[in-house]
């Protein structure tokens, strides 16, 4: 069993503004974040994401989850920014 702060490898996909700011569509990334809120904050520091955490939704393994959900090794993660419409 791994220690709580040992890195977990997750798979991220980026869409819309997040893809532009990360300069990539997807990546495999090690993280020590405990929750998806912490993960988004980590990504904000790394990529300078301009959207606040409160505007984000997160899908993990093709299902929406709460940002307070614990990050698990091997998760497929998509942060979904607000949809602009006209």
PDB file of N, CA and C in Angstrom:
ATOM      1  N   UNK A   1       0.854  -1.180   0.000  1.00  0.00           N
ATOM      2  CA  UNK A   1       0.000   0.000   0.000  1.00  0.00           C
ATOM      3  C   UNK A   1       0.898   1.242   0.000  1.00  0.00           C
ATOM      4  N   UNK A   2       0.519   2.241  -0.818  1.00  0.00           N
ATOM      5  CA  UNK A   2       1.364   3.429  -0.921  1.00  0.00           C
ATOM      6  C   UNK A   2       1.029   4.431   0.182  1.00  0.00           C
ATOM      7  N   UNK A   3       2.010   5.236   0.515  1.00  0.00           N
ATOM      8  CA  UNK A   3       1.823   6.277   1.528  1.00  0.00           C
ATOM      9  C   UNK A   3       0.888   7.347   0.994  1.00  0.00           C
ATOM     10  N   UNK A   4       0.178   8.066   1.870  1.00  0.00           N
ATOM     11  CA  UNK A   4      -0.803   9.061   1.430  1.00  0.00           C
ATOM     12  C   UNK A   4      -0.217  10.135   0.515  1.00  0.00           C
ATOM     13  N   UNK A   5       1.036  10.541   0.711  1.00  0.00           N
ATOM     14  CA  UNK A   5       1.613  11.592  -0.098  1.00  0.00           C
ATOM     15  C   UNK A   5       2.494  11.074  -1.221  1.00  0.00           C
ATOM     16  N   UNK A   6       2.492   9.759  -1.464  1.00  0.00           N
ATOM     17  CA  UNK A   6       3.278   9.260  -2.583  1.00  0.00           C
ATOM     18  C   UNK A   6       2.546   9.590  -3.883  1.00  0.00           C
ATOM     19  N   UNK A   7       3.298   9.907  -4.940  1.00  0.00           N
ATOM     20  CA  UNK A   7       2.645  10.301  -6.202  1.00  0.00           C
ATOM     21  C   UNK A   7       1.794   9.192  -6.795  1.00  0.00           C
ATOM     22  N   UNK A   8       0.660   9.590  -7.356  1.00  0.00           N
ATOM     23  CA  UNK A   8      -0.226   8.708  -8.104  1.00  0.00           C
ATOM     24  C   UNK A   8      -0.142   9.164  -9.557  1.00  0.00           C
ATOM     25  N   UNK A   9      -0.137   8.225 -10.486  1.00  0.00           N
ATOM     26  CA  UNK A   9      -0.130   8.574 -11.903  1.00  0.00           C
ATOM     27  C   UNK A   9      -1.581   8.618 -12.373  1.00  0.00           C
ATOM     28  N   UNK A  10      -1.969   9.758 -12.948  1.00  0.00           N
ATOM     29  CA  UNK A  10      -3.326   9.927 -13.472  1.00  0.00           C
ATOM     30  C   UNK A  10      -3.238  10.359 -14.934  1.00  0.00           C
ATOM     31  N   UNK A  11      -4.340  10.249 -15.629  1.00  0.00           N
ATOM     32  CA  UNK A  11      -4.423  10.630 -17.040  1.00  0.00           C
ATOM     33  C   UNK A  11      -5.370  11.825 -17.136  1.00  0.00           C
ATOM     34  N   UNK A  12      -4.891  12.905 -17.726  1.00  0.00           N
ATOM     35  CA  UNK A  12      -5.685  14.128 -17.842  1.00  0.00           C
ATOM     36  C   UNK A  12      -5.982  14.432 -19.301  1.00  0.00           C
ATOM     37  N   UNK A  13      -7.188  14.925 -19.561  1.00  0.00           N
ATOM     38  CA  UNK A  13      -7.547  15.454 -20.877  1.00  0.00           C
ATOM     39  C   UNK A  13      -8.021  16.884 -20.667  1.00  0.00           C
ATOM     40  N   UNK A  14      -7.670  17.745 -21.615  1.00  0.00           N
ATOM     41  CA  UNK A  14      -8.010  19.167 -21.514  1.00  0.00           C
ATOM     42  C   UNK A  14      -8.866  19.588 -22.698  1.00  0.00           C
ATOM     43  N   UNK A  15      -9.844  20.451 -22.423  1.00  0.00           N
ATOM     44  CA  UNK A  15     -10.723  20.970 -23.461  1.00  0.00           C
ATOM     45  C   UNK A  15     -10.812  22.488 -23.352  1.00  0.00           C
ATOM     46  N   UNK A  16     -11.182  23.114 -24.458  1.00  0.00           N
ATOM     47  CA  UNK A  16     -11.470  24.544 -24.514  1.00  0.00           C
ATOM     48  C   UNK A  16     -10.306  25.375 -23.962  1.00  0.00           C
ATOM     49  N   UNK A  17     -10.603  26.329 -23.093  1.00  0.00           N
ATOM     50  CA  UNK A  17      -9.597  27.244 -22.562  1.00  0.00           C
ATOM     51  C   UNK A  17      -8.485  26.502 -21.819  1.00  0.00           C
ATOM     52  N   UNK A  18      -8.827  25.439 -21.118  1.00  0.00           N
ATOM     53  CA  UNK A  18      -7.802  24.692 -20.379  1.00  0.00           C
ATOM     54  C   UNK A  18      -6.788  24.071 -21.338  1.00  0.00           C
ATOM     55  N   UNK A  19      -7.249  23.583 -22.487  1.00  0.00           N
ATOM     56  CA  UNK A  19      -6.331  23.020 -23.482  1.00  0.00           C
ATOM     57  C   UNK A  19      -5.395  24.105 -24.010  1.00  0.00           C
ATOM     58  N   UNK A  20      -5.946  25.279 -24.264  1.00  0.00           N
ATOM     59  CA  UNK A  20      -5.120  26.394 -24.743  1.00  0.00           C
ATOM     60  C   UNK A  20      -4.072  26.786 -23.703  1.00  0.00           C
ATOM     61  N   UNK A  21      -4.474  26.853 -22.444  1.00  0.00           N
ATOM     62  CA  UNK A  21      -3.550  27.298 -21.403  1.00  0.00           C
ATOM     63  C   UNK A  21      -2.524  26.225 -21.041  1.00  0.00           C
ATOM     64  N   UNK A  22      -2.880  24.949 -21.163  1.00  0.00           N
ATOM     65  CA  UNK A  22      -1.941  23.861 -20.867  1.00  0.00           C
ATOM     66  C   UNK A  22      -1.047  23.550 -22.076  1.00  0.00           C
ATOM     67  N   UNK A  23      -1.447  24.017 -23.245  1.00  0.00           N
ATOM     68  CA  UNK A  23      -0.714  23.753 -24.494  1.00  0.00           C
ATOM     69  C   UNK A  23      -0.616  22.258 -24.797  1.00  0.00           C
ATOM     70  N   UNK A  24      -1.641  21.521 -24.390  1.00  0.00           N
ATOM     71  CA  UNK A  24      -1.698  20.094 -24.700  1.00  0.00           C
ATOM     72  C   UNK A  24      -3.145  19.623 -24.587  1.00  0.00           C
ATOM     73  N   UNK A  25      -3.454  18.536 -25.292  1.00  0.00           N
ATOM     74  CA  UNK A  25      -4.797  17.955 -25.208  1.00  0.00           C
ATOM     75  C   UNK A  25      -4.900  16.947 -24.076  1.00  0.00           C
ATOM     76  N   UNK A  26      -3.763  16.311 -23.752  1.00  0.00           N
ATOM     77  CA  UNK A  26      -3.794  15.282 -22.708  1.00  0.00           C
ATOM     78  C   UNK A  26      -2.384  15.055 -22.184  1.00  0.00           C
ATOM     79  N   UNK A  27      -2.327  14.449 -21.013  1.00  0.00           N
ATOM     80  CA  UNK A  27      -1.036  14.092 -20.436  1.00  0.00           C
ATOM     81  C   UNK A  27      -1.230  13.031 -19.363  1.00  0.00           C
ATOM     82  N   UNK A  28      -0.176  12.298 -19.113  1.00  0.00           N
ATOM     83  CA  UNK A  28      -0.104  11.404 -17.966  1.00  0.00           C
ATOM     84  C   UNK A  28       0.738  12.155 -16.950  1.00  0.00           C
ATOM     85  N   UNK A  29       0.260  12.246 -15.711  1.00  0.00           N
ATOM     86  CA  UNK A  29       0.910  13.125 -14.748  1.00  0.00           C
ATOM     87  C   UNK A  29       0.956  12.501 -13.359  1.00  0.00           C
ATOM     88  N   UNK A  30       2.110  12.601 -12.698  1.00  0.00           N
ATOM     89  CA  UNK A  30       2.155  12.205 -11.293  1.00  0.00           C
ATOM     90  C   UNK A  30       1.612  13.343 -10.430  1.00  0.00           C
ATOM     91  N   UNK A  31       0.903  13.004  -9.384  1.00  0.00           N
ATOM     92  CA  UNK A  31       0.370  14.022  -8.474  1.00  0.00           C
ATOM     93  C   UNK A  31       0.338  13.489  -7.053  1.00  0.00           C
ATOM     94  N   UNK A  32       0.524  14.392  -6.110  1.00  0.00           N
ATOM     95  CA  UNK A  32       0.342  14.050  -4.698  1.00  0.00           C
ATOM     96  C   UNK A  32      -0.952  14.673  -4.167  1.00  0.00           C
ATOM     97  N   UNK A  33      -1.751  15.269  -5.057  1.00  0.00           N
ATOM     98  CA  UNK A  33      -3.025  15.883  -4.645  1.00  0.00           C
ATOM     99  C   UNK A  33      -3.915  14.821  -4.015  1.00  0.00           C
ATOM    100  N   UNK A  34      -4.586  15.206  -2.946  1.00  0.00           N
ATOM    101  CA  UNK A  34      -5.483  14.276  -2.272  1.00  0.00           C
ATOM    102  C   UNK A  34      -6.876  14.259  -2.857  1.00  0.00           C
ATOM    103  N   UNK A  35      -7.324  15.411  -3.389  1.00  0.00           N
ATOM    104  CA  UNK A  35      -8.667  15.535  -3.959  1.00  0.00           C
ATOM    105  C   UNK A  35      -8.561  16.192  -5.328  1.00  0.00           C
ATOM    106  N   UNK A  36      -9.678  16.193  -6.055  1.00  0.00           N
ATOM    107  CA  UNK A  36      -9.673  16.831  -7.379  1.00  0.00           C
ATOM    108  C   UNK A  36      -9.607  18.348  -7.267  1.00  0.00           C
ATOM    109  N   UNK A  37     -10.087  18.909  -6.170  1.00  0.00           N
ATOM    110  CA  UNK A  37      -9.917  20.352  -5.942  1.00  0.00           C
ATOM    111  C   UNK A  37      -8.429  20.671  -5.803  1.00  0.00           C
ATOM    112  N   UNK A  38      -7.710  19.870  -5.017  1.00  0.00           N
ATOM    113  CA  UNK A  38      -6.264  20.077  -4.856  1.00  0.00           C
ATOM    114  C   UNK A  38      -5.536  19.870  -6.177  1.00  0.00           C
ATOM    115  N   UNK A  39      -5.982  18.895  -6.975  1.00  0.00           N
ATOM    116  CA  UNK A  39      -5.365  18.654  -8.271  1.00  0.00           C
ATOM    117  C   UNK A  39      -5.543  19.863  -9.181  1.00  0.00           C
ATOM    118  N   UNK A  40      -6.750  20.422  -9.228  1.00  0.00           N
ATOM    119  CA  UNK A  40      -6.971  21.592 -10.073  1.00  0.00           C
ATOM    120  C   UNK A  40      -6.083  22.750  -9.623  1.00  0.00           C
ATOM    121  N   UNK A  41      -5.953  22.955  -8.323  1.00  0.00           N
ATOM    122  CA  UNK A  41      -5.089  24.022  -7.814  1.00  0.00           C
ATOM    123  C   UNK A  41      -3.627  23.774  -8.204  1.00  0.00           C
ATOM    124  N   UNK A  42      -3.207  22.516  -8.192  1.00  0.00           N
ATOM    125  CA  UNK A  42      -1.851  22.154  -8.634  1.00  0.00           C
ATOM    126  C   UNK A  42      -1.673  22.518 -10.115  1.00  0.00           C
ATOM    127  N   UNK A  43      -2.675  22.194 -10.921  1.00  0.00           N
ATOM    128  CA  UNK A  43      -2.610  22.499 -12.350  1.00  0.00           C
ATOM    129  C   UNK A  43      -2.654  24.005 -12.597  1.00  0.00           C
ATOM    130  N   UNK A  44      -3.418  24.736 -11.775  1.00  0.00           N
ATOM    131  CA  UNK A  44      -3.439  26.202 -11.886  1.00  0.00           C
ATOM    132  C   UNK A  44      -2.033  26.765 -11.682  1.00  0.00           C
ATOM    133  N   UNK A  45      -1.339  26.269 -10.668  1.00  0.00           N
ATOM    134  CA  UNK A  45       0.029  26.749 -10.413  1.00  0.00           C
ATOM    135  C   UNK A  45       0.961  26.388 -11.562  1.00  0.00           C
ATOM    136  N   UNK A  46       0.799  25.211 -12.124  1.00  0.00           N
ATOM    137  CA  UNK A  46       1.683  24.732 -13.184  1.00  0.00           C
ATOM    138  C   UNK A  46       1.427  25.455 -14.511  1.00  0.00           C
ATOM    139  N   UNK A  47       0.160  25.580 -14.889  1.00  0.00           N
ATOM    140  CA  UNK A  47      -0.193  26.092 -16.211  1.00  0.00           C
ATOM    141  C   UNK A  47      -0.777  27.502 -16.210  1.00  0.00           C
ATOM    142  N   UNK A  48      -1.029  28.056 -15.039  1.00  0.00           N
ATOM    143  CA  UNK A  48      -1.621  29.387 -14.984  1.00  0.00           C
ATOM    144  C   UNK A  48      -3.078  29.420 -15.403  1.00  0.00           C
ATOM    145  N   UNK A  49      -3.816  28.337 -15.145  1.00  0.00           N
ATOM    146  CA  UNK A  49      -5.237  28.317 -15.498  1.00  0.00           C
ATOM    147  C   UNK A  49      -5.929  29.535 -14.896  1.00  0.00           C
ATOM    148  N   UNK A  50      -6.678  30.240 -15.730  1.00  0.00           N
ATOM    149  CA  UNK A  50      -7.316  31.483 -15.291  1.00  0.00           C
ATOM    150  C   UNK A  50      -8.701  31.269 -14.683  1.00  0.00           C
ATOM    151  N   UNK A  51      -9.310  30.127 -14.935  1.00  0.00           N
ATOM    152  CA  UNK A  51     -10.660  29.888 -14.414  1.00  0.00           C
ATOM    153  C   UNK A  51     -10.596  29.469 -12.952  1.00  0.00           C
ATOM    154  N   UNK A  52     -11.437  30.079 -12.100  1.00  0.00           N
ATOM    155  CA  UNK A  52     -11.425  29.714 -10.680  1.00  0.00           C
ATOM    156  C   UNK A  52     -11.991  28.320 -10.448  1.00  0.00           C
ATOM    157  N   UNK A  53     -11.523  27.701  -9.400  1.00  0.00           N
ATOM    158  CA  UNK A  53     -11.962  26.361  -9.021  1.00  0.00           C
ATOM    159  C   UNK A  53     -13.485  26.271  -8.934  1.00  0.00           C
ATOM    160  N   UNK A  54     -14.121  27.300  -8.402  1.00  0.00           N
ATOM    161  CA  UNK A  54     -15.569  27.285  -8.208  1.00  0.00           C
ATOM    162  C   UNK A  54     -16.377  27.165  -9.491  1.00  0.00           C
ATOM    163  N   UNK A  55     -15.746  27.428 -10.640  1.00  0.00           N
ATOM    164  CA  UNK A  55     -16.449  27.314 -11.923  1.00  0.00           C
ATOM    165  C   UNK A  55     -16.256  25.955 -12.587  1.00  0.00           C
ATOM    166  N   UNK A  56     -15.404  25.114 -12.001  1.00  0.00           N
ATOM    167  CA  UNK A  56     -15.052  23.848 -12.637  1.00  0.00           C
ATOM    168  C   UNK A  56     -15.955  22.704 -12.205  1.00  0.00           C
ATOM    169  N   UNK A  57     -16.153  21.787 -13.139  1.00  0.00           N
ATOM    170  CA  UNK A  57     -16.748  20.484 -12.843  1.00  0.00           C
ATOM    171  C   UNK A  57     -15.666  19.472 -13.189  1.00  0.00           C
ATOM    172  N   UNK A  58     -15.749  18.283 -12.618  1.00  0.00           N
ATOM    173  CA  UNK A  58     -14.746  17.256 -12.919  1.00  0.00           C
ATOM    174  C   UNK A  58     -15.434  15.934 -13.213  1.00  0.00           C
ATOM    175  N   UNK A  59     -14.954  15.284 -14.270  1.00  0.00           N
ATOM    176  CA  UNK A  59     -15.411  13.937 -14.607  1.00  0.00           C
ATOM    177  C   UNK A  59     -14.221  13.005 -14.423  1.00  0.00           C
ATOM    178  N   UNK A  60     -14.471  11.897 -13.737  1.00  0.00           N
ATOM    179  CA  UNK A  60     -13.429  10.907 -13.473  1.00  0.00           C
ATOM    180  C   UNK A  60     -13.936   9.565 -13.971  1.00  0.00           C
ATOM    181  N   UNK A  61     -13.150   8.952 -14.841  1.00  0.00           N
ATOM    182  CA  UNK A  61     -13.529   7.659 -15.415  1.00  0.00           C
ATOM    183  C   UNK A  61     -14.943   7.727 -16.009  1.00  0.00           C
ATOM    184  N   UNK A  62     -15.200   8.824 -16.735  1.00  0.00           N
ATOM    185  CA  UNK A  62     -16.442   9.056 -17.482  1.00  0.00           C
ATOM    186  C   UNK A  62     -17.678   9.304 -16.623  1.00  0.00           C
ATOM    187  N   UNK A  63     -17.504   9.718 -15.375  1.00  0.00           N
ATOM    188  CA  UNK A  63     -18.639  10.049 -14.510  1.00  0.00           C
ATOM    189  C   UNK A  63     -18.318  11.321 -13.728  1.00  0.00           C
ATOM    190  N   UNK A  64     -19.297  12.209 -13.601  1.00  0.00           N
ATOM    191  CA  UNK A  64     -19.090  13.414 -12.801  1.00  0.00           C
ATOM    192  C   UNK A  64     -18.926  13.036 -11.338  1.00  0.00           C
ATOM    193  N   UNK A  65     -17.959  13.679 -10.679  1.00  0.00           N
ATOM    194  CA  UNK A  65     -17.744  13.471  -9.248  1.00  0.00           C
ATOM    195  C   UNK A  65     -17.586  14.835  -8.581  1.00  0.00           C
ATOM    196  N   UNK A  66     -17.671  14.838  -7.273  1.00  0.00           N
ATOM    197  CA  UNK A  66     -17.473  16.054  -6.495  1.00  0.00           C
ATOM    198  C   UNK A  66     -15.976  16.377  -6.452  1.00  0.00           C
ATOM    199  N   UNK A  67     -15.658  17.663  -6.416  1.00  0.00           N
ATOM    200  CA  UNK A  67     -14.256  18.072  -6.354  1.00  0.00           C
ATOM    201  C   UNK A  67     -13.555  17.587  -5.084  1.00  0.00           C
ATOM    202  N   UNK A  68     -14.311  17.206  -4.070  1.00  0.00           N
ATOM    203  CA  UNK A  68     -13.713  16.711  -2.825  1.00  0.00           C
ATOM    204  C   UNK A  68     -13.423  15.202  -2.871  1.00  0.00           C
ATOM    205  N   UNK A  69     -13.716  14.565  -4.003  1.00  0.00           N
ATOM    206  CA  UNK A  69     -13.470  13.131  -4.165  1.00  0.00           C
ATOM    207  C   UNK A  69     -11.965  12.854  -4.147  1.00  0.00           C
ATOM    208  N   UNK A  70     -11.520  11.800  -3.465  1.00  0.00           N
ATOM    209  CA  UNK A  70     -10.091  11.468  -3.445  1.00  0.00           C
ATOM    210  C   UNK A  70      -9.563  11.033  -4.818  1.00  0.00           C
ATOM    211  N   UNK A  71      -8.373  11.489  -5.148  1.00  0.00           N
ATOM    212  CA  UNK A  71      -7.684  11.105  -6.379  1.00  0.00           C
ATOM    213  C   UNK A  71      -7.186   9.666  -6.226  1.00  0.00           C
ATOM    214  N   UNK A  72      -7.381   8.855  -7.253  1.00  0.00           N
ATOM    215  CA  UNK A  72      -6.950   7.454  -7.237  1.00  0.00           C
ATOM    216  C   UNK A  72      -5.963   7.193  -8.369  1.00  0.00           C
ATOM    217  N   UNK A  73      -5.006   6.347  -8.124  1.00  0.00           N
ATOM    218  CA  UNK A  73      -4.040   5.914  -9.138  1.00  0.00           C
ATOM    219  C   UNK A  73      -4.766   5.452 -10.401  1.00  0.00           C
ATOM    220  N   UNK A  74      -4.307   5.939 -11.565  1.00  0.00           N
ATOM    221  CA  UNK A  74      -4.841   5.483 -12.847  1.00  0.00           C
ATOM    222  C   UNK A  74      -6.119   6.148 -13.304  1.00  0.00           C
ATOM    223  N   UNK A  75      -6.655   7.091 -12.529  1.00  0.00           N
ATOM    224  CA  UNK A  75      -7.896   7.761 -12.921  1.00  0.00           C
ATOM    225  C   UNK A  75      -7.726   8.505 -14.245  1.00  0.00           C
ATOM    226  N   UNK A  76      -8.801   8.516 -15.033  1.00  0.00           N
ATOM    227  CA  UNK A  76      -8.909   9.343 -16.230  1.00  0.00           C
ATOM    228  C   UNK A  76      -9.716  10.567 -15.830  1.00  0.00           C
ATOM    229  N   UNK A  77      -9.092  11.752 -15.913  1.00  0.00           N
ATOM    230  CA  UNK A  77      -9.671  12.971 -15.350  1.00  0.00           C
ATOM    231  C   UNK A  77      -9.869  14.030 -16.434  1.00  0.00           C
ATOM    232  N   UNK A  78     -11.057  14.644 -16.409  1.00  0.00           N
ATOM    233  CA  UNK A  78     -11.351  15.766 -17.293  1.00  0.00           C
ATOM    234  C   UNK A  78     -11.955  16.878 -16.439  1.00  0.00           C
ATOM    235  N   UNK A  79     -11.287  18.034 -16.399  1.00  0.00           N
ATOM    236  CA  UNK A  79     -11.889  19.212 -15.786  1.00  0.00           C
ATOM    237  C   UNK A  79     -12.693  19.913 -16.859  1.00  0.00           C
ATOM    238  N   UNK A  80     -13.933  20.251 -16.542  1.00  0.00           N
ATOM    239  CA  UNK A  80     -14.846  20.805 -17.534  1.00  0.00           C
ATOM    240  C   UNK A  80     -15.142  22.247 -17.183  1.00  0.00           C
ATOM    241  N   UNK A  81     -14.660  23.162 -18.042  1.00  0.00           N
ATOM    242  CA  UNK A  81     -14.907  24.575 -17.790  1.00  0.00           C
ATOM    243  C   UNK A  81     -16.359  24.921 -18.114  1.00  0.00           C
ATOM    244  N   UNK A  82     -16.808  26.088 -17.652  1.00  0.00           N
ATOM    245  CA  UNK A  82     -18.175  26.501 -17.969  1.00  0.00           C
ATOM    246  C   UNK A  82     -18.340  26.615 -19.476  1.00  0.00           C
ATOM    247  N   UNK A  83     -19.532  26.283 -19.944  1.00  0.00           N
ATOM    248  CA  UNK A  83     -19.817  26.324 -21.381  1.00  0.00           C
ATOM    249  C   UNK A  83     -20.331  27.723 -21.727  1.00  0.00           C
ATOM    250  N   UNK A  84     -19.682  28.340 -22.696  1.00  0.00           N
ATOM    251  CA  UNK A  84     -20.155  29.636 -23.198  1.00  0.00           C
ATOM    252  C   UNK A  84     -21.113  29.354 -24.345  1.00  0.00           C
ATOM    253  N   UNK A  85     -22.223  30.032 -24.339  1.00  0.00           N
ATOM    254  CA  UNK A  85     -23.199  29.793 -25.408  1.00  0.00           C
ATOM    255  C   UNK A  85     -23.755  31.101 -25.922  1.00  0.00           C
ATOM    256  N   UNK A  86     -24.406  31.005 -27.034  1.00  0.00           N
ATOM    257  CA  UNK A  86     -24.966  32.224 -27.611  1.00  0.00           C
ATOM    258  C   UNK A  86     -26.310  31.984 -28.176  1.00  0.00           C
TER     259      UNK A  86
END
